[in-house]
Protein backbone atom coordinates (compact mmCIF):
# COMPACT_ATOMS: atom_id res chain seq x y z
CA UNK A 1 92.86 92.25 110.51
CA UNK A 2 94.29 95.50 109.23
CA UNK A 3 95.09 94.22 105.78
CA UNK A 4 96.82 96.12 103.04
CA UNK A 5 94.22 98.59 101.80
CA UNK A 6 95.59 99.88 98.55
CA UNK A 7 94.72 103.41 97.47
CA UNK A 8 94.12 102.15 93.98
CA UNK A 9 91.89 104.53 92.05
CA UNK A 10 94.82 105.73 89.97
CA UNK A 11 95.89 102.16 89.28
CA UNK A 12 92.76 101.07 87.44
CA UNK A 13 93.34 103.27 84.35
CA UNK A 14 96.94 102.05 84.34
CA UNK A 15 95.81 98.42 84.24
CA UNK A 16 92.90 98.88 81.86
CA UNK A 17 94.96 100.83 79.36
CA UNK A 18 97.99 98.56 79.48
CA UNK A 19 98.50 96.80 76.14
CA UNK A 20 101.67 94.87 76.93
CA UNK A 21 101.11 91.37 78.25
CA UNK A 22 103.66 88.61 77.80
CA UNK A 23 102.47 85.74 80.01
CA UNK A 24 100.78 82.75 78.43
CA UNK A 25 97.18 82.22 79.57
CA UNK A 26 96.72 79.25 81.87
CA UNK A 27 96.95 78.01 85.43
CA UNK A 28 100.02 78.96 87.46
CA UNK A 29 101.17 77.36 90.73
CA UNK A 30 103.32 78.83 93.48
CA UNK A 31 106.71 77.42 94.44
CA UNK A 32 109.39 78.95 96.70
CA UNK A 33 112.69 79.70 94.97
CA UNK A 34 116.14 80.83 96.04
CA UNK A 35 119.02 82.24 94.02
CA UNK A 36 119.50 84.30 90.84
CA UNK A 37 116.79 84.42 88.20
CA UNK A 38 118.83 82.40 85.71
CA UNK A 39 120.05 79.74 88.15
CA UNK A 40 117.52 79.40 90.96
CA UNK A 41 116.61 76.35 93.01
CA UNK A 42 113.21 75.55 94.45
CA UNK A 43 112.88 75.07 98.22
CA UNK A 44 110.64 72.26 99.45
CA UNK A 45 108.32 72.63 102.42
CA UNK A 46 107.69 76.38 102.32
CA UNK A 47 104.49 76.05 100.27
CA UNK A 48 102.28 73.07 99.50
CA UNK A 49 102.76 70.66 96.61
CA UNK A 50 100.34 70.24 93.73
CA UNK A 51 97.30 67.98 94.18
CA UNK A 52 96.17 66.76 90.76
CA UNK A 53 93.52 64.16 89.93
CA UNK A 54 92.67 63.33 86.31
CA UNK A 55 93.94 66.66 85.05
CA UNK A 56 92.13 68.75 87.66
CA UNK A 57 93.81 70.57 90.53
CA UNK A 58 92.49 70.73 94.09
CA UNK A 59 93.01 72.48 97.40
CA UNK A 60 93.24 69.84 100.12
CA UNK A 61 94.11 70.03 103.80
CA UNK A 62 97.69 68.83 104.10
CA UNK A 63 97.54 66.80 107.31
CA UNK A 64 101.08 65.44 106.98
CA UNK A 65 104.22 67.56 107.21
CA UNK A 66 103.47 69.60 104.09
CA UNK A 67 102.73 73.29 104.23
CA UNK A 68 99.08 74.30 103.93
CA UNK A 69 100.04 77.55 102.21
CA UNK A 70 99.14 77.30 98.52
CA UNK A 71 98.44 79.78 95.74
CA UNK A 72 97.16 79.12 92.21
CA UNK A 73 96.57 81.89 89.68
CA UNK A 74 94.32 81.54 86.63
CA UNK A 75 95.57 84.01 84.04
CA UNK A 76 93.77 85.29 80.99
CA UNK A 77 94.97 88.29 79.01
CA UNK A 78 95.11 91.07 81.60
CA UNK A 79 92.73 89.49 84.11
CA UNK A 80 92.01 86.31 85.99
CA UNK A 81 91.56 84.95 89.49
CA UNK A 82 93.68 83.66 92.34
CA UNK A 83 92.77 80.64 94.49
CA UNK A 84 94.59 80.08 97.76
CA UNK A 85 94.81 78.18 101.04
CA UNK A 86 96.40 79.43 104.25
CA UNK A 87 97.79 77.50 107.16
CA UNK A 88 95.98 78.53 110.35
CA UNK A 89 96.98 78.08 113.98
CA UNK A 90 93.55 76.77 115.03
CA UNK A 91 90.37 75.60 113.34
CA UNK A 92 91.77 74.34 110.06
CA UNK A 93 92.98 76.15 106.94
CA UNK A 94 91.36 79.19 105.35
CA UNK A 95 90.62 78.98 101.63
CA UNK A 96 89.76 81.85 99.35
CA UNK A 97 89.62 83.32 95.88
CA UNK A 98 89.92 86.81 94.43
CA UNK A 99 89.67 88.44 91.04
CA UNK A 100 92.83 90.02 89.66
CA UNK A 101 94.01 92.46 87.03
CA UNK A 102 97.57 92.25 85.76
CA UNK A 103 100.08 93.44 83.21
CA UNK A 104 103.78 92.81 82.68
CA UNK A 105 104.70 94.73 85.83
CA UNK A 106 102.09 94.09 88.54
CA UNK A 107 99.15 92.05 89.75
CA UNK A 108 96.30 93.94 91.40
CA UNK A 109 94.37 91.63 93.74
CA UNK A 110 90.78 92.40 94.73
CA UNK A 111 89.59 91.76 98.28
CA UNK A 112 89.21 87.97 98.53
CA UNK A 113 86.17 85.86 99.34
CA UNK A 114 87.16 83.41 102.10
CA UNK A 115 85.81 80.56 104.20
CA UNK A 116 87.05 77.97 106.65
CA UNK A 117 88.16 74.80 104.91
CA UNK A 118 85.68 72.71 106.93
CA UNK A 119 82.58 74.90 106.54
CA UNK A 120 79.57 72.88 105.31
CA UNK A 121 81.49 69.60 105.30
CA UNK A 122 79.85 67.82 108.26
CA UNK A 123 80.38 64.08 108.11
CA UNK A 124 83.02 64.18 105.40
CA UNK A 125 86.36 62.53 106.03
CA UNK A 126 89.21 65.02 106.32
CA UNK A 127 91.05 63.24 103.53
CA UNK A 128 88.05 63.43 101.17
CA UNK A 129 87.40 67.18 101.43
CA UNK A 130 88.76 69.08 98.46
CA UNK A 131 88.00 72.20 96.43
CA UNK A 132 88.59 72.35 92.69
CA UNK A 133 90.94 75.13 91.68
CA UNK A 134 89.19 77.51 89.31
CA UNK A 135 85.71 77.11 90.83
CA UNK A 136 84.58 80.13 92.84
CA UNK A 137 82.64 79.41 96.03
CA UNK A 138 80.49 81.48 98.43
CA UNK A 139 82.09 82.89 101.56
CA UNK A 140 82.70 86.13 103.41
CA UNK A 141 84.33 89.30 102.13
CA UNK A 142 85.68 91.53 104.89
CA UNK A 143 86.30 94.60 102.76
CA UNK A 144 85.30 95.96 99.38
CA UNK A 145 88.68 97.54 98.83
CA UNK A 146 91.55 96.20 96.78
CA UNK A 147 93.70 94.23 99.18
CA UNK A 148 97.12 93.84 97.58
CA UNK A 149 99.35 94.86 94.73
CA UNK A 150 102.23 92.57 93.79
CA UNK A 151 105.02 93.73 91.47
CA UNK A 152 106.03 90.88 89.16
CA UNK A 153 109.07 90.03 87.07
CA UNK A 154 108.53 87.83 84.04
CA UNK A 155 111.30 85.23 83.68
CA UNK A 156 109.78 83.36 80.71
CA UNK A 157 106.44 83.57 78.96
CA UNK A 158 105.12 80.93 81.37
CA UNK A 159 107.13 81.73 84.52
CA UNK A 160 107.13 84.81 86.72
CA UNK A 161 108.50 85.98 90.04
CA UNK A 162 107.18 87.96 93.00
CA UNK A 163 109.86 89.32 95.33
CA UNK A 164 108.43 89.73 98.83
CA UNK A 165 110.57 92.80 99.54
CA UNK A 166 109.06 94.52 96.49
CA UNK A 167 105.61 93.31 97.54
CA UNK A 168 105.91 94.81 101.03
CA UNK A 169 107.37 98.06 99.70
CA UNK A 170 104.66 98.51 97.08
CA UNK A 171 101.81 97.93 99.53
CA UNK A 172 103.30 100.32 102.08
CA UNK A 173 103.63 102.99 99.38
CA UNK A 174 99.96 102.58 98.45
CA UNK A 175 98.44 102.86 101.89
CA UNK A 176 99.14 99.51 103.51
CA UNK A 177 100.61 98.76 106.91
CA UNK A 178 104.33 98.34 107.37
CA UNK A 179 105.55 94.79 107.06
CA UNK A 180 105.40 92.60 110.16
CA UNK A 181 104.73 88.98 110.96
CA UNK A 182 102.32 89.24 113.88
CA UNK A 183 100.90 85.92 115.21
CA UNK A 184 97.93 87.86 116.61
CA UNK A 185 96.92 89.23 113.20
CA UNK A 186 94.22 87.65 111.05
CA UNK A 187 95.74 87.20 107.61
CA UNK A 188 92.74 85.41 106.10
CA UNK A 189 91.85 88.37 103.88
CA UNK A 190 95.33 88.62 102.39
CA UNK A 191 96.36 86.35 99.57
CA UNK A 192 100.16 86.49 99.73
CA UNK A 193 100.46 86.56 103.54
CA UNK A 194 99.59 84.00 106.19
CA UNK A 195 100.59 83.34 109.79
CA UNK A 196 104.36 82.86 109.50
CA UNK A 197 103.98 81.78 105.88
CA UNK A 198 104.07 82.97 102.28
CA UNK A 199 105.72 86.43 102.24
CA UNK A 200 105.65 86.49 106.04
CA UNK A 201 108.06 83.54 106.04
CA UNK A 202 110.74 85.97 104.83
CA UNK A 203 110.34 87.93 108.09
CA UNK A 204 110.90 85.01 110.47
CA UNK A 205 114.56 85.28 111.49
CA UNK A 206 114.55 81.63 112.58
CA UNK A 207 114.12 80.47 108.98
CA UNK A 208 117.04 79.38 106.84
CA UNK A 209 118.70 81.76 104.38
CA UNK A 210 117.01 80.16 101.38
CA UNK A 211 113.65 81.09 102.91
CA UNK A 212 114.61 84.53 104.24
CA UNK A 213 116.20 85.50 100.92
CA UNK A 214 113.89 83.45 98.74
CA UNK A 215 111.06 84.57 96.49
CA UNK A 216 107.76 83.44 95.02
CA UNK A 217 108.00 81.52 91.76
CA UNK A 218 104.87 80.95 89.68
CA UNK A 219 105.02 78.35 86.90
CA UNK A 220 102.34 77.52 84.37
CA UNK A 221 101.10 73.97 84.95
CA UNK A 222 98.21 73.79 82.49
């Protein structure tokens, strides 16, 4: 896939020297929201629900009607990691993780390490396979370059927003491809894009207005 390859050398001093950081450390989970920042509603079905067992969070294959698109972000002060799962047309979901740098304006996402959800799970029941969020796993890395930059808007000290229009614009400005939702593309090495999902869901004209005009909402859950 021709993923967003950010020309990012000038960004690293910006991130490393940034002193302003307002978000509380912790684990953040993606929801899909629609409406103004001070009166939004969440939209069910666009991204997957939380899977929690005894205070731990897991990536599972949603084999019912739920979306398999999920994103969790572990945030420390100015750095962290993202863990994600993508719906795939064939072969089961893709899961991945990537290191991040962030400040009060943007998240810089390194090229992710990815694998098929079912790799090395021979004999396991589909319902029993799960990956603990926060635990990095071996996989493949298709590029050494930074893959994505996502402008953020902090709504509270434990809630922030990513607008997909801003995301597409920023990546195009820094060397990425123009936005398109191409079913023939391999989106496994992008974090915030999947086949017809995540930010690509805002490009599918068959979706409802709350999806087309919606945005990514990240809330701290632990």
